[in-house]
N, C-alpha and C. Protein backbone atom coordinates (compact mmCIF):
# COMPACT_ATOMS: atom_id res chain seq x y z
N MET A 1 -26.59 15.73 0.26
CA MET A 1 -26.19 14.51 -0.94
C MET A 1 -24.68 15.04 -0.36
N ILE A 2 -24.05 13.49 -0.16
CA ILE A 2 -22.27 13.49 -0.25
C ILE A 2 -21.61 13.68 -1.45
N GLY A 3 -20.82 14.53 -1.39
CA GLY A 3 -20.32 14.56 -3.07
C GLY A 3 -18.99 13.52 -3.24
N ALA A 4 -18.55 13.54 -4.19
CA ALA A 4 -17.37 12.81 -5.01
C ALA A 4 -16.26 12.93 -4.19
N ARG A 5 -15.99 14.08 -3.61
CA ARG A 5 -14.71 14.45 -3.28
C ARG A 5 -14.64 13.76 -1.65
N PHE A 6 -15.80 13.67 -1.14
CA PHE A 6 -16.10 13.03 0.36
C PHE A 6 -15.68 11.59 0.05
N TYR A 7 -16.04 11.29 -0.76
CA TYR A 7 -15.99 9.54 -1.24
C TYR A 7 -14.53 8.94 -1.33
N SER A 8 -13.89 10.22 -2.32
CA SER A 8 -12.43 10.32 -2.46
C SER A 8 -11.57 10.35 -1.53
N GLN A 9 -11.69 10.87 -0.58
CA GLN A 9 -10.71 11.26 0.35
C GLN A 9 -11.24 10.01 1.78
N LEU A 10 -12.57 9.48 1.74
CA LEU A 10 -12.88 8.39 2.66
C LEU A 10 -11.69 7.05 2.25
N GLU A 11 -11.78 7.13 0.82
CA GLU A 11 -11.35 6.04 0.11
C GLU A 11 -10.09 5.91 0.26
N THR A 12 -9.49 7.07 0.34
CA THR A 12 -7.80 7.18 0.49
C THR A 12 -7.28 6.95 1.87
N ALA A 13 -8.28 7.45 2.85
CA ALA A 13 -7.86 7.01 4.21
C ALA A 13 -8.13 5.77 4.68
N GLN A 14 -9.23 4.93 4.08
CA GLN A 14 -9.03 3.86 4.08
C GLN A 14 -8.11 2.96 3.73
N ILE A 15 -7.99 3.11 2.39
CA ILE A 15 -6.03 2.62 1.78
C ILE A 15 -5.69 2.43 2.84
N ARG A 16 -4.91 3.78 3.05
CA ARG A 16 -3.59 3.82 4.04
C ARG A 16 -3.93 3.18 5.03
N ASN A 17 -5.12 3.19 5.62
CA ASN A 17 -5.09 2.40 7.10
C ASN A 17 -5.27 1.36 6.69
N ASP A 18 -5.89 0.29 5.62
CA ASP A 18 -5.97 -0.95 5.52
C ASP A 18 -4.22 -1.32 5.22
N MET A 19 -3.55 -0.66 4.21
CA MET A 19 -2.27 -0.84 4.17
C MET A 19 -1.66 -0.87 5.34
N LEU A 20 -1.50 0.24 6.16
CA LEU A 20 -0.69 0.17 7.34
C LEU A 20 -0.84 -1.07 8.35
N GLU A 21 -2.54 -1.55 8.50
CA GLU A 21 -2.76 -2.63 9.26
C GLU A 21 -2.42 -3.78 8.99
N ASN A 22 -2.34 -3.99 7.39
CA ASN A 22 -2.03 -5.18 6.57
C ASN A 22 -0.38 -5.90 7.07
N GLU A 23 0.63 -4.77 7.08
CA GLU A 23 1.89 -4.91 6.98
C GLU A 23 2.25 -4.91 8.52
N LEU A 24 1.69 -3.86 9.69
CA LEU A 24 1.88 -4.06 10.79
C LEU A 24 1.41 -4.58 11.87
N SER A 25 0.45 -5.30 11.66
CA SER A 25 -0.35 -6.04 12.59
C SER A 25 -0.10 -7.70 12.61
N LYS A 26 1.07 -8.12 11.88
CA LYS A 26 1.18 -9.54 11.98
C LYS A 26 1.62 -9.97 13.08
N VAL A 27 1.39 -11.27 13.48
CA VAL A 27 1.63 -11.98 14.78
C VAL A 27 2.20 -13.49 14.20
N THR A 28 2.97 -13.75 15.30
CA THR A 28 4.15 -15.40 15.07
C THR A 28 2.61 -16.31 15.54
N GLU A 29 2.79 -17.56 15.31
CA GLU A 29 2.07 -18.56 15.79
C GLU A 29 1.83 -18.32 17.34
N SER A 30 2.49 -17.82 18.11
CA SER A 30 2.79 -17.76 19.55
C SER A 30 1.90 -16.36 19.94
N GLY A 31 1.30 -15.62 18.63
CA GLY A 31 0.75 -14.35 19.19
C GLY A 31 1.52 -12.99 19.51
N LYS A 32 3.33 -13.20 18.86
CA LYS A 32 3.99 -12.15 19.34
C LYS A 32 3.96 -11.28 18.18
N PRO A 33 4.02 -10.02 17.90
CA PRO A 33 4.20 -9.30 17.39
C PRO A 33 5.68 -9.67 16.41
N TRP A 34 5.30 -9.66 14.95
CA TRP A 34 6.50 -9.87 14.13
C TRP A 34 6.39 -8.82 12.72
N MET A 35 7.18 -8.47 12.38
CA MET A 35 7.61 -7.55 11.06
C MET A 35 8.71 -8.23 10.20
N ASP A 36 8.25 -8.68 9.10
CA ASP A 36 9.26 -8.94 7.99
C ASP A 36 9.80 -8.09 7.27
N MET A 37 10.62 -6.97 7.89
CA MET A 37 11.17 -6.16 7.29
C MET A 37 11.97 -6.04 5.69
N ALA A 38 12.14 -7.41 5.38
CA ALA A 38 12.51 -7.30 3.81
C ALA A 38 11.26 -7.29 3.27
N HIS A 39 10.27 -7.75 3.53
CA HIS A 39 9.27 -7.60 2.82
C HIS A 39 8.52 -6.27 2.99
N ILE A 40 8.45 -5.65 3.92
CA ILE A 40 8.48 -4.02 4.37
C ILE A 40 8.95 -3.13 3.24
N VAL A 41 10.38 -3.29 3.18
CA VAL A 41 11.44 -2.81 2.32
C VAL A 41 11.03 -2.98 0.77
N GLN A 42 10.72 -4.39 0.51
CA GLN A 42 10.02 -4.67 -0.91
C GLN A 42 9.04 -4.07 -1.31
N CYS A 43 8.01 -4.09 -0.19
CA CYS A 43 6.56 -3.22 -0.51
C CYS A 43 7.04 -1.72 -0.78
N LEU A 44 7.62 -1.13 -0.05
CA LEU A 44 8.14 0.37 0.17
C LEU A 44 8.73 0.62 -1.12
N ASN A 45 9.34 0.05 -1.76
CA ASN A 45 10.12 -0.07 -3.20
C ASN A 45 9.36 0.07 -4.29
N LYS A 46 8.69 -0.78 -4.12
CA LYS A 46 7.19 -0.77 -5.23
C LYS A 46 6.53 0.22 -5.01
N LEU A 47 5.98 0.64 -4.07
CA LEU A 47 5.28 1.73 -3.84
C LEU A 47 6.00 3.08 -4.36
N ASP A 48 7.26 3.18 -4.08
CA ASP A 48 7.96 4.22 -4.59
C ASP A 48 8.16 4.30 -5.66
N ALA A 49 7.89 3.20 -6.36
CA ALA A 49 8.14 2.86 -7.92
C ALA A 49 6.84 3.16 -8.85
N GLY A 50 5.91 2.94 -7.83
CA GLY A 50 4.43 2.98 -8.39
C GLY A 50 4.28 2.10 -9.45
N VAL A 51 4.53 0.83 -9.26
CA VAL A 51 4.46 -0.67 -10.16
C VAL A 51 3.15 -0.75 -10.17
N SER A 52 2.41 -1.42 -11.37
CA SER A 52 1.50 -1.77 -11.48
C SER A 52 0.88 -3.01 -10.78
N GLU A 53 1.69 -3.74 -10.25
CA GLU A 53 1.42 -4.96 -9.19
C GLU A 53 0.09 -4.46 -8.40
N LYS A 54 -0.77 -5.61 -8.43
CA LYS A 54 -1.87 -5.36 -7.40
C LYS A 54 -1.56 -5.95 -5.95
N VAL A 55 -2.03 -5.48 -5.01
CA VAL A 55 -2.19 -5.80 -3.97
C VAL A 55 -3.35 -6.09 -3.20
N GLN A 56 -3.50 -7.06 -2.16
CA GLN A 56 -4.98 -7.20 -1.50
C GLN A 56 -4.70 -6.44 -0.18
N LEU A 57 -5.83 -5.42 0.10
CA LEU A 57 -5.45 -4.79 1.74
C LEU A 57 -6.61 -5.37 1.97
N VAL A 58 -6.19 -6.07 3.31
CA VAL A 58 -7.45 -6.52 4.17
C VAL A 58 -7.51 -5.86 5.50
N SER A 59 -8.70 -5.34 6.01
CA SER A 59 -9.37 -4.82 7.13
C SER A 59 -8.77 -5.75 8.21
N ARG A 60 -8.28 -5.42 9.58
CA ARG A 60 -8.36 -6.12 10.09
C ARG A 60 -9.03 -7.49 11.03
N ASP A 61 -10.41 -7.00 10.74
CA ASP A 61 -11.47 -7.78 11.26
C ASP A 61 -11.66 -8.76 10.25
N GLY A 62 -11.02 -8.94 8.89
CA GLY A 62 -10.84 -9.63 7.70
C GLY A 62 -12.36 -9.87 7.06
N TYR A 63 -13.35 -8.89 7.36
CA TYR A 63 -14.37 -8.74 6.12
C TYR A 63 -14.13 -7.99 5.17
N ASN A 64 -13.31 -6.91 5.06
CA ASN A 64 -13.40 -5.98 4.02
C ASN A 64 -12.19 -6.17 3.56
N PHE A 65 -11.94 -5.98 2.16
CA PHE A 65 -10.51 -5.79 1.34
C PHE A 65 -10.65 -5.10 0.18
N ILE A 66 -9.70 -4.56 -0.27
CA ILE A 66 -9.69 -4.00 -1.53
C ILE A 66 -8.49 -4.54 -2.18
N VAL A 67 -8.48 -4.32 -3.74
CA VAL A 67 -7.28 -4.69 -4.45
C VAL A 67 -7.14 -3.60 -5.24
N VAL A 68 -5.90 -3.00 -4.96
CA VAL A 68 -5.19 -1.82 -5.68
C VAL A 68 -3.57 -2.20 -6.28
N SER A 69 -3.30 -1.41 -7.27
CA SER A 69 -2.23 -1.37 -7.74
C SER A 69 -1.47 -0.66 -6.72
N TYR A 70 0.26 -0.72 -6.71
CA TYR A 70 0.99 -0.16 -5.84
C TYR A 70 0.97 1.67 -6.48
N GLY A 71 0.88 1.52 -7.78
CA GLY A 71 0.64 2.92 -8.52
C GLY A 71 -0.57 3.52 -7.67
N ASP A 72 -1.63 3.03 -7.59
CA ASP A 72 -2.89 3.67 -7.12
C ASP A 72 -2.70 4.21 -5.90
N LEU A 73 -1.89 3.08 -4.91
CA LEU A 73 -1.66 3.75 -3.38
C LEU A 73 -0.65 4.83 -3.74
N ARG A 74 0.27 4.73 -4.55
CA ARG A 74 1.19 5.85 -4.49
C ARG A 74 0.63 7.15 -4.78
N ARG A 75 -0.56 7.15 -6.07
CA ARG A 75 -1.14 8.36 -5.88
C ARG A 75 -2.15 8.86 -5.12
N CYS A 76 -2.75 7.72 -4.06
CA CYS A 76 -3.57 8.31 -3.04
C CYS A 76 -2.55 9.15 -2.09
N LEU A 77 -1.58 8.79 -1.40
CA LEU A 77 -0.47 8.91 -0.47
C LEU A 77 0.06 10.41 -1.02
N GLU A 78 0.32 10.29 -2.25
CA GLU A 78 0.88 12.15 -3.11
C GLU A 78 -0.10 12.93 -2.65
N ALA A 79 -1.50 12.52 -3.32
CA ALA A 79 -2.56 13.53 -3.08
C ALA A 79 -2.85 13.85 -1.49
N ALA A 80 -2.84 12.72 -0.71
CA ALA A 80 -3.11 13.12 0.78
C ALA A 80 -2.01 14.07 1.31
N PHE A 81 -0.46 13.82 0.77
CA PHE A 81 0.58 14.63 1.43
C PHE A 81 0.28 15.77 0.57
N ARG A 82 0.05 16.23 -0.62
CA ARG A 82 -0.42 17.51 -1.16
C ARG A 82 -1.36 18.39 -0.44
N GLU A 83 -2.22 17.64 0.21
CA GLU A 83 -3.31 18.26 0.50
C GLU A 83 -2.91 18.71 1.88
N LEU A 84 -2.22 17.89 3.04
CA LEU A 84 -1.98 17.95 3.89
C LEU A 84 -0.88 19.25 4.05
N SER A 85 -0.03 19.30 2.88
CA SER A 85 1.14 20.37 2.95
C SER A 85 0.65 21.74 2.36
N THR A 86 -0.45 21.70 1.57
CA THR A 86 -0.94 23.07 1.44
C THR A 86 -1.91 23.56 2.16
N THR A 87 -2.51 22.87 3.04
CA THR A 87 -3.51 23.27 3.95
C THR A 87 -3.12 24.25 4.84
N PRO A 88 -3.71 25.52 5.21
CA PRO A 88 -2.73 26.04 6.14
C PRO A 88 -2.71 25.52 7.53
N SER A 89 -1.92 25.81 8.55
CA SER A 89 -2.11 25.61 9.43
C SER A 89 -2.76 26.73 10.69
N VAL A 90 -3.49 26.56 11.18
CA VAL A 90 -4.17 27.14 12.22
C VAL A 90 -3.89 26.81 13.79
N ILE A 91 -3.21 28.03 14.23
CA ILE A 91 -2.22 28.05 15.53
C ILE A 91 -3.64 28.73 16.49
N PRO A 92 -4.21 27.96 17.60
CA PRO A 92 -5.11 28.44 18.29
C PRO A 92 -4.37 29.70 19.10
N ARG A 93 -5.18 30.74 19.58
CA ARG A 93 -4.48 31.86 20.25
C ARG A 93 -5.32 31.65 21.47
N HIS A 94 -4.37 31.99 22.36
CA HIS A 94 -5.01 31.77 23.90
C HIS A 94 -5.12 33.13 24.53
């Protein structure tokens, strides 16, 4: 049986992935990559503040989406950072 921690980690990874795909995979009508830097900065400010405003994250194929608050996203990213920063590094010895 797969535990709740696994689902929590999977959900956190999916949220981060969807967030990045949503903001960084936009294209113009001609198909050229395009980034609205003002929008990205605005979203990062909301993420940093952890506001309760909801955002819809859509997968690249458009079939999956999740609606979360910036506060939820912030907590997920902070938890992932804490986990990565407390995990001991293993340096392979040759």
